[in-house]
Amino acid sequence: MKNNSRIVNNNQAEKLLRFINFIIDYIFTYLLVILLYAVMMLVYSFLSGIDYLIVADKVSNINSFLDRLITAFFYALFMYFTEVITKGRSLGKLITGTMVVNENGGLPTGNDFLKRNFSRIVPFDVLSFLGSNGWHDSWSDTKVVKRKSYLEAVERENSIEEIGIMQQA
């Protein structure tokens, strides 16, 4: 694959877009986790014969650290599957017109997406964007780009190369 790292760097999404992606994805995923908890409690209540309200009360009194850990795990898992299935686009990225690419401009591998999304569990990963790049991007060698301008720049670059090849022939 051709190295488009210059094009990637020129089309990186601004921090505001990244922040908007995070807010949209976090809210959506948080609602999905709540729904998942509700379904799991309903199934557990049905299978065990314990009243749903008693199960809900027990779950609401769960250790806060354990609750945060479980929620972070499901967030990372959901984001992983979302980005793998949509080839680098979560709900937030779809709305803001951005996408994830590797540092050379290609589609990240499943392993890249795994590193990217499970490193989100690290405390203060969200604050890592106060620097130049977030930890989950640095550790997975990925970047978020503005999709439309990135794809247009790649197309222009490929067209210029095709013209050069045709003139040499």
C-alpha atoms as a PDB file:
ATOM      1  CA  MET A   1       0.000   0.000   0.000  1.00  0.00           C
ATOM      2  CA  LYS A   2       1.107   3.511  -0.800  1.00  0.00           C
ATOM      3  CA  ASN A   3       2.287   5.714   2.063  1.00  0.00           C
ATOM      4  CA  ASN A   4      -0.110   8.657   2.401  1.00  0.00           C
ATOM      5  CA  SER A   5       1.225   9.882   5.749  1.00  0.00           C
ATOM      6  CA  ARG A   6       1.638  13.443   4.433  1.00  0.00           C
ATOM      7  CA  ILE A   7      -2.005  13.496   3.323  1.00  0.00           C
ATOM      8  CA  VAL A   8      -3.062  12.006   6.685  1.00  0.00           C
ATOM      9  CA  ASN A   9      -1.204  14.714   8.592  1.00  0.00           C
ATOM     10  CA  ASN A  10      -2.643  17.491   6.399  1.00  0.00           C
ATOM     11  CA  ASN A  11      -6.219  16.257   6.921  1.00  0.00           C
ATOM     12  CA  GLN A  12      -6.240  15.401  10.620  1.00  0.00           C
ATOM     13  CA  ALA A  13      -9.426  16.283  12.438  1.00  0.00           C
ATOM     14  CA  GLU A  14      -9.247  19.229  14.806  1.00  0.00           C
ATOM     15  CA  LYS A  15      -9.516  18.721  18.556  1.00  0.00           C
ATOM     16  CA  LEU A  16     -13.046  20.171  18.582  1.00  0.00           C
ATOM     17  CA  LEU A  17     -14.230  17.519  16.100  1.00  0.00           C
ATOM     18  CA  ARG A  18     -12.490  14.831  18.145  1.00  0.00           C
ATOM     19  CA  PHE A  19     -14.203  16.127  21.290  1.00  0.00           C
ATOM     20  CA  ILE A  20     -17.604  16.122  19.567  1.00  0.00           C
ATOM     21  CA  ASN A  21     -16.943  12.525  18.400  1.00  0.00           C
ATOM     22  CA  PHE A  22     -16.159  11.554  21.986  1.00  0.00           C
ATOM     23  CA  ILE A  23     -19.298  13.201  23.416  1.00  0.00           C
ATOM     24  CA  ILE A  24     -21.607  11.605  20.817  1.00  0.00           C
ATOM     25  CA  ASP A  25     -19.987   8.167  21.131  1.00  0.00           C
ATOM     26  CA  TYR A  26     -19.899   8.323  24.924  1.00  0.00           C
ATOM     27  CA  ILE A  27     -23.575   9.275  25.287  1.00  0.00           C
ATOM     28  CA  PHE A  28     -24.705   6.705  22.721  1.00  0.00           C
ATOM     29  CA  THR A  29     -22.566   3.945  24.197  1.00  0.00           C
ATOM     30  CA  TYR A  30     -23.569   4.829  27.753  1.00  0.00           C
ATOM     31  CA  LEU A  31     -27.224   4.453  26.756  1.00  0.00           C
ATOM     32  CA  LEU A  32     -26.410   1.095  25.152  1.00  0.00           C
ATOM     33  CA  VAL A  33     -24.641  -0.066  28.313  1.00  0.00           C
ATOM     34  CA  ILE A  34     -27.693   0.908  30.390  1.00  0.00           C
ATOM     35  CA  LEU A  35     -29.879  -1.036  27.959  1.00  0.00           C
ATOM     36  CA  LEU A  36     -27.492  -4.007  28.175  1.00  0.00           C
ATOM     37  CA  TYR A  37     -27.628  -3.913  31.979  1.00  0.00           C
ATOM     38  CA  ALA A  38     -31.444  -3.792  31.844  1.00  0.00           C
ATOM     39  CA  VAL A  39     -31.620  -6.775  29.476  1.00  0.00           C
ATOM     40  CA  MET A  40     -29.110  -8.765  31.558  1.00  0.00           C
ATOM     41  CA  MET A  41     -31.096  -8.023  34.732  1.00  0.00           C
ATOM     42  CA  LEU A  42     -34.333  -9.025  33.008  1.00  0.00           C
ATOM     43  CA  VAL A  43     -32.842 -12.315  31.796  1.00  0.00           C
ATOM     44  CA  TYR A  44     -31.302 -13.000  35.218  1.00  0.00           C
ATOM     45  CA  SER A  45     -34.611 -12.197  36.909  1.00  0.00           C
ATOM     46  CA  PHE A  46     -36.476 -14.509  34.560  1.00  0.00           C
ATOM     47  CA  LEU A  47     -34.012 -17.398  34.901  1.00  0.00           C
ATOM     48  CA  SER A  48     -33.568 -17.120  38.661  1.00  0.00           C
ATOM     49  CA  GLY A  49     -37.168 -16.357  39.540  1.00  0.00           C
ATOM     50  CA  ILE A  50     -36.082 -13.327  41.586  1.00  0.00           C
ATOM     51  CA  ASP A  51     -38.228 -10.227  41.214  1.00  0.00           C
ATOM     52  CA  TYR A  52     -36.791  -7.744  38.683  1.00  0.00           C
ATOM     53  CA  LEU A  53     -36.898  -4.865  41.194  1.00  0.00           C
ATOM     54  CA  ILE A  54     -34.809  -6.846  43.682  1.00  0.00           C
ATOM     55  CA  VAL A  55     -32.236  -7.626  40.969  1.00  0.00           C
ATOM     56  CA  ALA A  56     -32.212  -3.950  39.911  1.00  0.00           C
ATOM     57  CA  ASP A  57     -31.690  -2.892  43.520  1.00  0.00           C
ATOM     58  CA  LYS A  58     -28.718  -5.265  43.873  1.00  0.00           C
ATOM     59  CA  VAL A  59     -27.165  -3.983  40.638  1.00  0.00           C
ATOM     60  CA  SER A  60     -27.667  -0.355  41.671  1.00  0.00           C
ATOM     61  CA  ASN A  61     -25.662  -1.058  44.845  1.00  0.00           C
ATOM     62  CA  ILE A  62     -22.686  -2.498  42.931  1.00  0.00           C
ATOM     63  CA  ASN A  63     -19.200  -1.324  43.881  1.00  0.00           C
ATOM     64  CA  SER A  64     -18.574   1.957  41.994  1.00  0.00           C
ATOM     65  CA  PHE A  65     -15.080   0.886  40.879  1.00  0.00           C
ATOM     66  CA  LEU A  66     -16.445  -2.381  39.502  1.00  0.00           C
ATOM     67  CA  ASP A  67     -19.275  -0.480  37.814  1.00  0.00           C
ATOM     68  CA  ARG A  68     -16.795   1.882  36.126  1.00  0.00           C
ATOM     69  CA  LEU A  69     -14.592  -1.018  35.068  1.00  0.00           C
ATOM     70  CA  ILE A  70     -17.499  -2.959  33.548  1.00  0.00           C
ATOM     71  CA  THR A  71     -18.830   0.146  31.817  1.00  0.00           C
ATOM     72  CA  ALA A  72     -15.370   1.001  30.428  1.00  0.00           C
ATOM     73  CA  PHE A  73     -14.962  -2.576  29.168  1.00  0.00           C
ATOM     74  CA  PHE A  74     -18.315  -2.519  27.372  1.00  0.00           C
ATOM     75  CA  TYR A  75     -17.539   0.949  25.961  1.00  0.00           C
ATOM     76  CA  ALA A  76     -14.210  -0.287  24.551  1.00  0.00           C
ATOM     77  CA  LEU A  77     -15.800  -3.484  23.229  1.00  0.00           C
ATOM     78  CA  PHE A  78     -18.661  -1.638  21.562  1.00  0.00           C
ATOM     79  CA  MET A  79     -16.318   0.942  20.018  1.00  0.00           C
ATOM     80  CA  TYR A  80     -14.027  -1.846  18.784  1.00  0.00           C
ATOM     81  CA  PHE A  81     -16.833  -3.716  17.007  1.00  0.00           C
ATOM     82  CA  THR A  82     -18.304  -0.486  15.655  1.00  0.00           C
ATOM     83  CA  GLU A  83     -15.016   0.676  14.150  1.00  0.00           C
ATOM     84  CA  VAL A  84     -14.161  -2.764  12.745  1.00  0.00           C
ATOM     85  CA  ILE A  85     -17.586  -3.218  11.137  1.00  0.00           C
ATOM     86  CA  THR A  86     -17.803   0.348   9.773  1.00  0.00           C
ATOM     87  CA  LYS A  87     -14.115   0.480   8.757  1.00  0.00           C
ATOM     88  CA  GLY A  88     -13.113   3.238  11.135  1.00  0.00           C
ATOM     89  CA  ARG A  89     -16.346   5.165  11.658  1.00  0.00           C
ATOM     90  CA  SER A  90     -18.318   5.339  14.867  1.00  0.00           C
ATOM     91  CA  LEU A  91     -21.634   7.199  15.249  1.00  0.00           C
ATOM     92  CA  GLY A  92     -19.757  10.350  16.256  1.00  0.00           C
ATOM     93  CA  LYS A  93     -17.437  10.031  13.277  1.00  0.00           C
ATOM     94  CA  LEU A  94     -20.369   9.481  10.914  1.00  0.00           C
ATOM     95  CA  ILE A  95     -22.033  12.655  12.208  1.00  0.00           C
ATOM     96  CA  THR A  96     -18.880  14.797  12.100  1.00  0.00           C
ATOM     97  CA  GLY A  97     -17.575  13.419   8.792  1.00  0.00           C
ATOM     98  CA  THR A  98     -14.384  11.894  10.169  1.00  0.00           C
ATOM     99  CA  MET A  99     -12.789   8.450  10.041  1.00  0.00           C
ATOM    100  CA  VAL A 100      -9.889   6.491  11.522  1.00  0.00           C
ATOM    101  CA  VAL A 101      -6.902   5.578   9.367  1.00  0.00           C
ATOM    102  CA  ASN A 102      -3.488   4.204  10.199  1.00  0.00           C
ATOM    103  CA  GLU A 103      -0.535   6.587  10.052  1.00  0.00           C
ATOM    104  CA  ASN A 104       0.128   5.637   6.408  1.00  0.00           C
ATOM    105  CA  GLY A 105      -3.461   6.310   5.390  1.00  0.00           C
ATOM    106  CA  GLY A 106      -4.686   2.741   5.162  1.00  0.00           C
ATOM    107  CA  LEU A 107      -7.469   0.999   6.991  1.00  0.00           C
ATOM    108  CA  PRO A 108      -6.284  -0.006  10.459  1.00  0.00           C
ATOM    109  CA  THR A 109      -6.108  -3.745  11.135  1.00  0.00           C
ATOM    110  CA  GLY A 110      -8.332  -5.499  13.650  1.00  0.00           C
ATOM    111  CA  ASN A 111      -5.358  -5.501  16.016  1.00  0.00           C
ATOM    112  CA  ASP A 112      -4.965  -1.716  15.571  1.00  0.00           C
ATOM    113  CA  PHE A 113      -8.648  -1.218  16.394  1.00  0.00           C
ATOM    114  CA  LEU A 114      -8.260  -3.522  19.408  1.00  0.00           C
ATOM    115  CA  LYS A 115      -5.303  -1.516  20.776  1.00  0.00           C
ATOM    116  CA  ARG A 116      -7.041   1.759  19.988  1.00  0.00           C
ATOM    117  CA  ASN A 117     -10.274   0.973  21.768  1.00  0.00           C
ATOM    118  CA  PHE A 118      -9.069  -0.995  24.776  1.00  0.00           C
ATOM    119  CA  SER A 119      -6.482   1.668  25.574  1.00  0.00           C
ATOM    120  CA  ARG A 120      -9.489   3.953  26.164  1.00  0.00           C
ATOM    121  CA  ILE A 121      -9.894   2.159  29.504  1.00  0.00           C
ATOM    122  CA  VAL A 122      -6.703   3.832  30.749  1.00  0.00           C
ATOM    123  CA  PRO A 123      -7.698   6.586  33.197  1.00  0.00           C
ATOM    124  CA  PHE A 124      -7.329  10.104  31.809  1.00  0.00           C
ATOM    125  CA  ASP A 125      -7.151   8.929  28.186  1.00  0.00           C
ATOM    126  CA  VAL A 126      -9.739  11.615  27.411  1.00  0.00           C
ATOM    127  CA  LEU A 127      -7.409  14.287  28.789  1.00  0.00           C
ATOM    128  CA  SER A 128      -4.517  13.035  26.665  1.00  0.00           C
ATOM    129  CA  PHE A 129      -5.869  15.167  23.813  1.00  0.00           C
ATOM    130  CA  LEU A 130      -4.584  18.277  25.542  1.00  0.00           C
ATOM    131  CA  GLY A 131      -1.292  17.225  23.938  1.00  0.00           C
ATOM    132  CA  SER A 132      -0.778  16.720  20.227  1.00  0.00           C
ATOM    133  CA  ASN A 133      -2.447  13.310  19.926  1.00  0.00           C
ATOM    134  CA  GLY A 134      -4.521  11.098  22.193  1.00  0.00           C
ATOM    135  CA  TRP A 135      -2.994   8.047  23.808  1.00  0.00           C
ATOM    136  CA  HIS A 136      -5.371   5.628  22.112  1.00  0.00           C
ATOM    137  CA  ASP A 137      -4.202   6.989  18.733  1.00  0.00           C
ATOM    138  CA  SER A 138      -0.507   7.108  19.662  1.00  0.00           C
ATOM    139  CA  TRP A 139      -0.476   3.570  21.033  1.00  0.00           C
ATOM    140  CA  SER A 140      -2.300   2.119  18.022  1.00  0.00           C
ATOM    141  CA  ASP A 141      -0.552   4.222  15.335  1.00  0.00           C
ATOM    142  CA  THR A 142      -3.879   5.595  14.102  1.00  0.00           C
ATOM    143  CA  LYS A 143      -5.211   9.052  13.355  1.00  0.00           C
ATOM    144  CA  VAL A 144      -8.633  10.594  12.857  1.00  0.00           C
ATOM    145  CA  VAL A 145      -8.979  12.501   9.587  1.00  0.00           C
ATOM    146  CA  LYS A 146     -11.667  14.631   7.976  1.00  0.00           C
ATOM    147  CA  ARG A 147     -13.037  11.989   5.620  1.00  0.00           C
ATOM    148  CA  LYS A 148     -14.148  14.065   2.633  1.00  0.00           C
ATOM    149  CA  SER A 149     -11.009  16.207   2.340  1.00  0.00           C
ATOM    150  CA  TYR A 150      -8.773  13.187   3.011  1.00  0.00           C
ATOM    151  CA  LEU A 151     -10.397  11.052   0.291  1.00  0.00           C
ATOM    152  CA  GLU A 152     -10.310  13.984  -2.158  1.00  0.00           C
ATOM    153  CA  ALA A 153      -6.591  14.533  -1.462  1.00  0.00           C
ATOM    154  CA  VAL A 154      -5.849  10.823  -1.972  1.00  0.00           C
ATOM    155  CA  GLU A 155      -7.814  10.864  -5.234  1.00  0.00           C
ATOM    156  CA  ARG A 156      -5.907  13.950  -6.451  1.00  0.00           C
ATOM    157  CA  GLU A 157      -2.590  12.310  -5.550  1.00  0.00           C
ATOM    158  CA  ASN A 158      -3.545   9.109  -7.394  1.00  0.00           C
ATOM    159  CA  SER A 159      -4.715  11.094 -10.454  1.00  0.00           C
ATOM    160  CA  ILE A 160      -1.441  13.012 -10.615  1.00  0.00           C
ATOM    161  CA  GLU A 161       0.526   9.752 -10.427  1.00  0.00           C
ATOM    162  CA  GLU A 162      -1.603   8.195 -13.181  1.00  0.00           C
ATOM    163  CA  ILE A 163      -0.908  11.187 -15.445  1.00  0.00           C
ATOM    164  CA  GLY A 164       2.830  10.784 -14.787  1.00  0.00           C
ATOM    165  CA  ILE A 165       2.699   7.076 -15.603  1.00  0.00           C
ATOM    166  CA  MET A 166       0.736   7.689 -18.819  1.00  0.00           C
ATOM    167  CA  GLN A 167       3.230  10.350 -19.978  1.00  0.00           C
ATOM    168  CA  GLN A 168       6.167   7.998 -19.387  1.00  0.00           C
ATOM    169  CA  ALA A 169       4.630   5.260 -21.511  1.00  0.00           C
END
